[in-house]
Protein backbone atom coordinates (compact mmCIF):
# COMPACT_ATOMS: atom_id res chain seq x y z
CA MET A 1 1.07 -137.72 99.70
CA ILE A 2 4.33 -135.76 99.95
CA ALA A 3 4.20 -132.58 101.97
CA GLN A 4 4.04 -129.35 99.97
CA LEU A 5 7.06 -128.10 101.93
CA GLU A 6 9.28 -130.63 100.20
CA LEU A 7 8.35 -129.14 96.83
CA ALA A 8 9.98 -125.90 97.87
CA VAL A 9 13.22 -127.28 99.21
CA THR A 10 14.15 -129.84 96.58
CA GLY A 11 16.49 -128.45 93.93
CA LEU A 12 17.25 -129.39 90.32
CA GLU A 13 20.42 -128.82 88.32
CA HIS A 14 20.05 -125.90 85.88
CA ASP A 15 21.45 -127.97 83.01
CA SER A 16 18.65 -130.51 83.50
CA VAL A 17 16.06 -128.04 82.15
CA GLU A 18 15.43 -126.75 78.64
CA ILE A 19 12.97 -124.02 77.63
CA VAL A 20 12.17 -123.12 74.03
CA GLY A 21 9.57 -120.91 72.39
CA ARG A 22 8.26 -117.38 72.78
CA PRO A 23 9.46 -115.94 76.09
CA ASP A 24 6.20 -114.14 76.99
CA ALA A 25 3.92 -117.03 76.02
CA PRO A 26 2.00 -119.50 78.23
CA VAL A 27 4.12 -122.45 79.35
CA ILE A 28 3.52 -126.04 78.28
CA VAL A 29 5.52 -128.76 80.05
CA VAL A 30 6.33 -131.72 77.79
CA LEU A 31 7.44 -135.06 79.27
CA GLY A 32 8.14 -138.35 77.48
CA GLY A 33 9.18 -141.92 78.25
CA ILE A 34 12.17 -143.05 80.26
CA SER A 35 14.43 -142.65 77.22
CA ALA A 36 13.29 -139.04 76.61
CA SER A 37 15.40 -136.05 77.58
CA LYS A 38 14.90 -132.34 78.18
CA HIS A 39 15.67 -131.78 74.46
CA VAL A 40 12.17 -132.03 73.01
CA THR A 41 12.73 -130.08 69.78
CA SER A 42 15.41 -128.17 67.91
CA SER A 43 15.96 -124.47 68.50
CA ALA A 44 18.46 -121.75 67.66
CA ALA A 45 20.33 -122.59 70.87
CA ASN A 46 20.41 -126.31 70.07
CA PRO A 47 19.65 -127.17 66.41
CA ARG A 48 19.89 -130.93 66.99
CA ALA A 49 16.57 -132.70 66.42
CA GLY A 50 14.68 -133.43 69.63
CA TRP A 51 12.89 -136.62 70.64
CA TRP A 52 9.45 -135.16 69.68
CA GLU A 53 10.63 -133.02 66.77
CA LYS A 54 7.61 -133.68 64.53
CA PHE A 55 5.17 -132.73 67.26
CA VAL A 56 6.76 -129.71 68.97
CA GLY A 57 8.12 -126.63 67.21
CA PRO A 58 7.09 -123.62 65.11
CA GLY A 59 3.70 -124.24 63.52
CA ARG A 60 3.46 -127.78 64.90
CA THR A 61 0.89 -129.28 67.28
CA ILE A 62 2.60 -127.81 70.33
CA ASP A 63 3.50 -124.56 68.63
CA THR A 64 6.60 -122.78 69.94
CA ASP A 65 5.40 -119.62 68.19
CA LYS A 66 2.46 -119.63 70.62
CA PHE A 67 3.86 -121.35 73.71
CA GLN A 68 6.99 -121.73 75.76
CA VAL A 69 7.88 -125.40 76.11
CA LEU A 70 9.71 -126.59 79.21
CA SER A 71 11.10 -130.05 79.77
CA ILE A 72 13.52 -131.72 82.15
CA ASP A 73 15.96 -134.59 82.29
CA TYR A 74 14.57 -137.16 84.69
CA ARG A 75 16.35 -137.91 87.92
CA GLY A 76 18.22 -141.20 87.89
CA GLU A 77 18.16 -141.96 91.60
CA GLY A 78 16.03 -141.34 94.66
CA LYS A 79 16.74 -138.92 97.46
CA GLY A 80 18.68 -140.03 100.53
CA GLY A 81 19.07 -143.60 99.35
CA ARG A 82 15.33 -144.10 98.86
CA PRO A 83 14.05 -145.77 95.68
CA LEU A 84 13.26 -143.35 92.87
CA THR A 85 9.57 -142.54 92.35
CA THR A 86 7.41 -140.61 89.91
CA ALA A 87 6.71 -138.25 92.82
CA ASP A 88 10.45 -137.47 92.87
CA GLN A 89 10.20 -136.51 89.21
CA ALA A 90 7.16 -134.33 89.92
CA ILE A 91 9.08 -132.59 92.69
CA ALA A 92 11.99 -132.07 90.31
CA LEU A 93 9.61 -130.48 87.82
CA ALA A 94 8.27 -128.14 90.51
CA ALA A 95 11.86 -127.15 91.34
CA ALA A 96 12.54 -126.48 87.65
CA LEU A 97 9.52 -124.19 87.50
CA ASP A 98 10.72 -122.40 90.63
CA SER A 99 14.16 -121.94 89.08
CA ALA A 100 12.59 -120.46 85.94
CA ARG A 101 10.29 -118.25 88.06
CA ILE A 102 7.21 -119.87 86.58
CA GLU A 103 4.32 -119.96 89.04
CA SER A 104 1.94 -122.07 86.98
CA VAL A 105 1.72 -123.65 83.53
CA ARG A 106 -1.00 -123.87 80.90
CA ALA A 107 -0.66 -127.65 80.66
CA ILE A 108 1.54 -130.67 81.20
CA VAL A 109 1.57 -132.97 78.18
CA GLY A 110 2.96 -136.29 79.38
CA ALA A 111 3.27 -139.53 77.44
CA SER A 112 4.16 -142.95 78.87
CA TYR A 113 6.40 -142.35 81.92
CA GLY A 114 5.84 -138.63 81.43
CA GLY A 115 2.11 -139.22 81.81
CA MET A 116 2.72 -140.91 85.15
CA VAL A 117 4.82 -137.93 86.26
CA ALA A 118 2.08 -135.55 85.11
CA LEU A 119 -0.49 -137.41 87.24
CA ALA A 120 1.85 -137.34 90.24
CA PHE A 121 2.30 -133.59 89.74
CA GLY A 122 -1.48 -133.15 89.53
CA ALA A 123 -1.77 -134.72 92.99
CA LEU A 124 1.19 -132.89 94.54
CA ALA A 125 0.85 -129.38 93.11
CA PRO A 126 -2.57 -128.96 91.45
CA GLN A 127 -2.46 -125.19 91.84
CA ARG A 128 0.52 -125.00 89.45
CA VAL A 129 -1.07 -126.54 86.35
CA LYS A 130 -4.36 -125.81 84.58
CA HIS A 131 -4.68 -129.01 82.54
CA LEU A 132 -3.12 -132.45 82.29
CA VAL A 133 -2.87 -134.16 78.90
CA VAL A 134 -1.93 -137.76 79.62
CA ILE A 135 -1.13 -140.18 76.79
CA GLY A 136 -0.62 -143.88 77.42
CA ALA A 137 -0.39 -143.72 81.20
CA ALA A 138 -2.53 -144.40 84.25
CA HIS A 139 -2.49 -144.06 88.03
CA GLU A 140 -0.55 -147.31 88.55
CA SER A 141 1.39 -149.91 86.62
CA ALA A 142 -0.58 -152.74 85.00
CA PRO A 143 0.39 -156.28 86.10
CA ILE A 144 1.52 -157.29 82.60
CA ALA A 145 3.76 -154.22 82.33
CA THR A 146 5.30 -154.92 85.74
CA ALA A 147 5.91 -158.54 84.75
CA LEU A 148 7.80 -157.52 81.62
CA ARG A 149 9.89 -154.99 83.51
CA LEU A 150 10.72 -157.51 86.24
CA LEU A 151 12.21 -159.73 83.55
CA GLN A 152 14.12 -156.82 82.03
CA ARG A 153 15.56 -155.81 85.40
CA GLY A 154 16.46 -159.42 86.14
CA VAL A 155 18.51 -159.54 82.95
CA VAL A 156 20.33 -156.30 83.82
CA GLU A 157 20.96 -157.35 87.42
CA LEU A 158 22.42 -160.64 86.19
CA GLY A 159 24.59 -158.71 83.76
CA ILE A 160 25.93 -156.51 86.55
CA LYS A 161 26.76 -159.57 88.68
CA THR A 162 28.61 -161.25 85.79
CA GLY A 163 30.45 -158.18 84.50
CA ARG A 164 28.34 -157.93 81.33
CA SER A 165 26.06 -155.07 82.33
CA ARG A 166 26.07 -153.20 79.03
CA GLU A 167 25.31 -156.33 77.04
CA ALA A 168 22.50 -157.09 79.46
CA LEU A 169 21.08 -153.57 79.11
CA VAL A 170 21.03 -153.96 75.32
CA LEU A 171 19.14 -157.24 75.72
CA ALA A 172 16.67 -155.75 78.22
CA ARG A 173 15.87 -152.90 75.85
CA GLY A 174 15.29 -155.42 73.11
CA ILE A 175 12.74 -157.18 75.30
CA ALA A 176 11.03 -153.83 75.89
CA MET A 177 10.84 -153.12 72.15
CA THR A 178 8.58 -156.14 71.67
CA SER A 179 5.91 -154.51 73.87
CA TYR A 180 5.71 -151.04 72.34
CA ALA A 181 3.72 -151.85 69.18
CA SER A 182 1.20 -154.43 68.04
CA ALA A 183 2.49 -157.69 66.55
CA GLU A 184 1.40 -156.48 63.12
CA GLU A 185 3.21 -153.16 63.46
CA PHE A 186 6.35 -154.81 64.84
CA GLY A 187 6.54 -156.85 61.65
CA ARG A 188 6.36 -153.67 59.60
CA LEU A 189 8.99 -151.91 61.69
CA VAL A 190 11.60 -154.59 61.10
CA THR A 191 12.82 -154.58 57.53
CA GLY A 192 13.01 -158.22 56.46
CA ALA A 193 10.91 -159.57 59.34
CA ASN A 194 8.38 -160.96 56.88
CA SER A 195 10.87 -162.64 54.58
CA ASN A 196 10.01 -166.09 53.26
CA GLU A 197 13.36 -167.32 54.57
CA ALA A 198 13.40 -168.18 58.28
CA SER A 199 17.10 -167.36 58.63
CA GLU A 200 16.60 -163.95 57.02
CA ARG A 201 13.64 -163.17 59.30
CA ARG A 202 15.57 -164.12 62.40
CA GLY A 203 18.61 -162.11 61.31
CA ALA A 204 16.54 -159.02 60.57
CA ILE A 205 14.78 -159.19 63.94
CA GLU A 206 18.04 -159.80 65.78
CA ASP A 207 19.69 -156.81 64.06
CA PHE A 208 16.71 -154.56 64.84
CA LEU A 209 16.64 -155.47 68.53
CA GLU A 210 20.39 -155.06 68.87
CA GLU A 211 20.36 -151.68 67.16
CA CYS A 212 17.56 -150.43 69.42
CA GLY A 213 19.38 -151.74 72.47
CA GLU A 214 22.70 -150.17 71.50
CA THR A 215 21.04 -146.81 70.87
CA PHE A 216 19.45 -146.92 74.31
CA ALA A 217 22.68 -148.04 76.03
CA ARG A 218 24.56 -145.05 74.61
CA SER A 219 22.40 -142.68 76.66
CA CYS A 220 21.47 -144.74 79.73
CA THR A 221 23.56 -146.62 82.28
CA PRO A 222 22.40 -149.95 83.72
CA GLN A 223 21.99 -148.34 87.15
CA ARG A 224 19.87 -145.51 85.80
CA PHE A 225 17.72 -147.97 83.87
CA LEU A 226 17.10 -150.04 87.00
CA ALA A 227 16.06 -146.96 88.99
CA LEU A 228 13.70 -145.64 86.32
CA SER A 229 12.23 -149.07 85.63
CA GLU A 230 11.54 -149.65 89.32
CA SER A 231 9.90 -146.22 89.59
CA LEU A 232 7.51 -147.21 86.80
CA ASP A 233 6.37 -150.20 88.80
CA SER A 234 6.13 -148.37 92.14
CA HIS A 235 4.06 -145.58 90.57
CA GLN A 236 0.74 -145.15 92.34
CA VAL A 237 -1.46 -142.08 92.59
CA ARG A 238 -4.94 -142.14 94.10
CA PRO A 239 -7.22 -140.89 91.30
CA ARG A 240 -9.25 -138.75 93.70
CA ASP A 241 -6.07 -136.88 94.67
CA ILE A 242 -5.56 -135.62 91.09
CA ARG A 243 -7.34 -132.26 91.34
CA VAL A 244 -6.63 -130.89 87.88
CA PRO A 245 -8.82 -131.04 84.76
CA ALA A 246 -7.45 -133.78 82.54
CA THR A 247 -7.57 -135.21 79.06
CA LEU A 248 -6.72 -138.92 79.07
CA ILE A 249 -5.77 -140.53 75.75
CA ALA A 250 -5.82 -144.33 75.69
CA VAL A 251 -4.84 -146.62 72.82
CA ARG A 252 -6.85 -149.83 72.60
CA GLU A 253 -3.85 -151.76 71.26
CA ASP A 254 -1.56 -150.56 74.08
CA SER A 255 -0.55 -153.78 75.86
CA LEU A 256 1.34 -151.90 78.60
CA VAL A 257 -1.50 -149.58 79.64
CA PRO A 258 -4.81 -151.43 79.16
CA VAL A 259 -7.78 -149.24 78.24
CA GLU A 260 -9.82 -150.50 81.20
CA GLN A 261 -7.16 -149.18 83.55
CA VAL A 262 -7.44 -145.69 82.03
CA ARG A 263 -11.24 -145.94 82.20
CA HIS A 264 -10.95 -146.63 85.93
CA LEU A 265 -8.78 -143.54 86.33
CA ALA A 266 -11.27 -141.44 84.36
CA ARG A 267 -14.19 -142.63 86.53
CA HIS A 268 -12.48 -141.83 89.82
CA ILE A 269 -10.25 -138.83 89.08
CA GLY A 270 -10.80 -135.86 91.38
CA ASN A 271 -11.62 -133.26 88.70
CA PRO A 272 -13.37 -132.93 85.33
CA CYS A 273 -11.92 -135.40 82.86
CA ARG A 274 -12.24 -136.22 79.19
CA LEU A 275 -11.33 -139.76 78.18
CA VAL A 276 -10.53 -140.37 74.52
CA GLU A 277 -10.00 -143.90 73.24
CA ILE A 278 -8.33 -144.41 69.90
CA SER A 279 -7.18 -147.38 67.85
CA SER A 280 -3.63 -147.66 66.51
CA SER A 281 -1.40 -150.56 65.51
CA HIS A 282 1.48 -148.54 66.98
CA GLY A 283 0.24 -149.46 70.45
CA HIS A 284 2.06 -147.83 73.33
CA ASP A 285 4.31 -145.85 70.96
CA THR A 286 1.40 -144.21 69.16
CA PHE A 287 2.46 -140.84 70.57
CA LEU A 288 5.80 -141.19 68.77
CA ASN A 289 4.77 -142.91 65.56
CA ALA A 290 1.20 -141.83 64.76
CA HIS A 291 1.21 -138.07 65.24
CA HIS A 292 -1.88 -137.62 63.05
CA LEU A 293 -3.97 -139.51 65.61
CA ILE A 294 -2.67 -137.68 68.67
CA ALA A 295 -2.29 -134.17 67.26
CA PRO A 296 -5.95 -133.05 67.10
CA LEU A 297 -6.60 -134.36 70.61
CA VAL A 298 -3.65 -132.50 72.12
CA ALA A 299 -4.45 -129.34 70.15
CA ALA A 300 -8.04 -129.39 71.45
CA ALA A 301 -6.87 -129.87 75.03
CA LEU A 302 -4.44 -126.95 74.79
CA ALA A 303 -7.18 -124.76 73.34
CA THR A 304 -9.53 -125.49 76.26
CA PRO A 305 -7.30 -125.75 79.36
CA LYS A 306 -10.07 -125.36 81.95
CA GLY A 307 -13.09 -127.25 80.69
CA MET A 308 -13.91 -130.53 79.11
CA GLU A 309 -15.72 -129.03 76.12
CA SER A 310 -15.92 -131.43 73.17
C-alpha cells in the first residue's frame, strides 16, 4: 500500500487531463486500455472523435449532459527509475483531480487496463470515489495474459537490440490483436479471412494485423509500450483493500481476464459488490465493440452509486 502522503505530492501535467460535460454536474472518470488516451469523446473544444465516442457524449450511456467526464493520458514511465505500476496511474489520477479541484467523483468507469487502475485507486483513495465500474479487469494479471505479454515484450526488446524497434512493435501489437476477441469474432473482423483460397485468407489476415500494428505504433513508442505492458503484469491489489462499492462486469469469452478470476475478486473485495457475467464473441474488447451489452449495466451502476440494488 502506498502512503496517502504520496497522493498529495505527485503531480500531473495539465495537458494530460481532459474534462468534458456540464461544469456543475457530478464527475465520472473514464479510463480505457493501454492504447486509450484522455480524449474519450468529441466536444466543442476538440471535435475529433474520441476512443469511446459511441458510449460517452450527449444523450449516450455516460451522458455529458448529466455528468462531467474526466480522463487522463497514462504515464509512460515509473517514478525515480522504478518500474511503472497501476498504482502510479492511480496516483496520477488523484493528482489530476487535485488540479481540477475535485474532491471526489461519482464513479470511475474503467475497462481493461483502466479497470486495473480503478481497482488500484479504490485501494489507495477510497474516500474519493463512490463507485467503481470495472469491465474486463481483475486484481491481478492472469497467467495466460502474462504469457502473451512476455512474448510481445520479447519481440519488442529484440527489435530494439537489432535496430528494428518500430517493426517489432507493429508485430507485437499484431500478436495482441489475436487475444482480444473470440476465434469466431476474429474471423468476422478480418475481411477475407474466411475466403476459400488459402493465399487470400493469409493475405487478408496479414494486412489486418499490420494495419492494427501500424495504427498503434503511430501513437505509442516501443519504450512506452514496454513500460505499460510490464505494469499490466505487475498489477496486484489485495481485494480486501478495495473499500469502495463496485460493479464488476466479466465476459465469459474473455481469454485475458478469466471469469473465475473476477469471481474471486467479487468474493473477497472489501465492500459491497455486484458481479455481472455476460456472454459476447467480442471477448476482451466487448466494451469497445458490443456497446448494447455493456450500456445497461453501466447506466444502472451510475444510477445507484452507493448500493448494489438490482
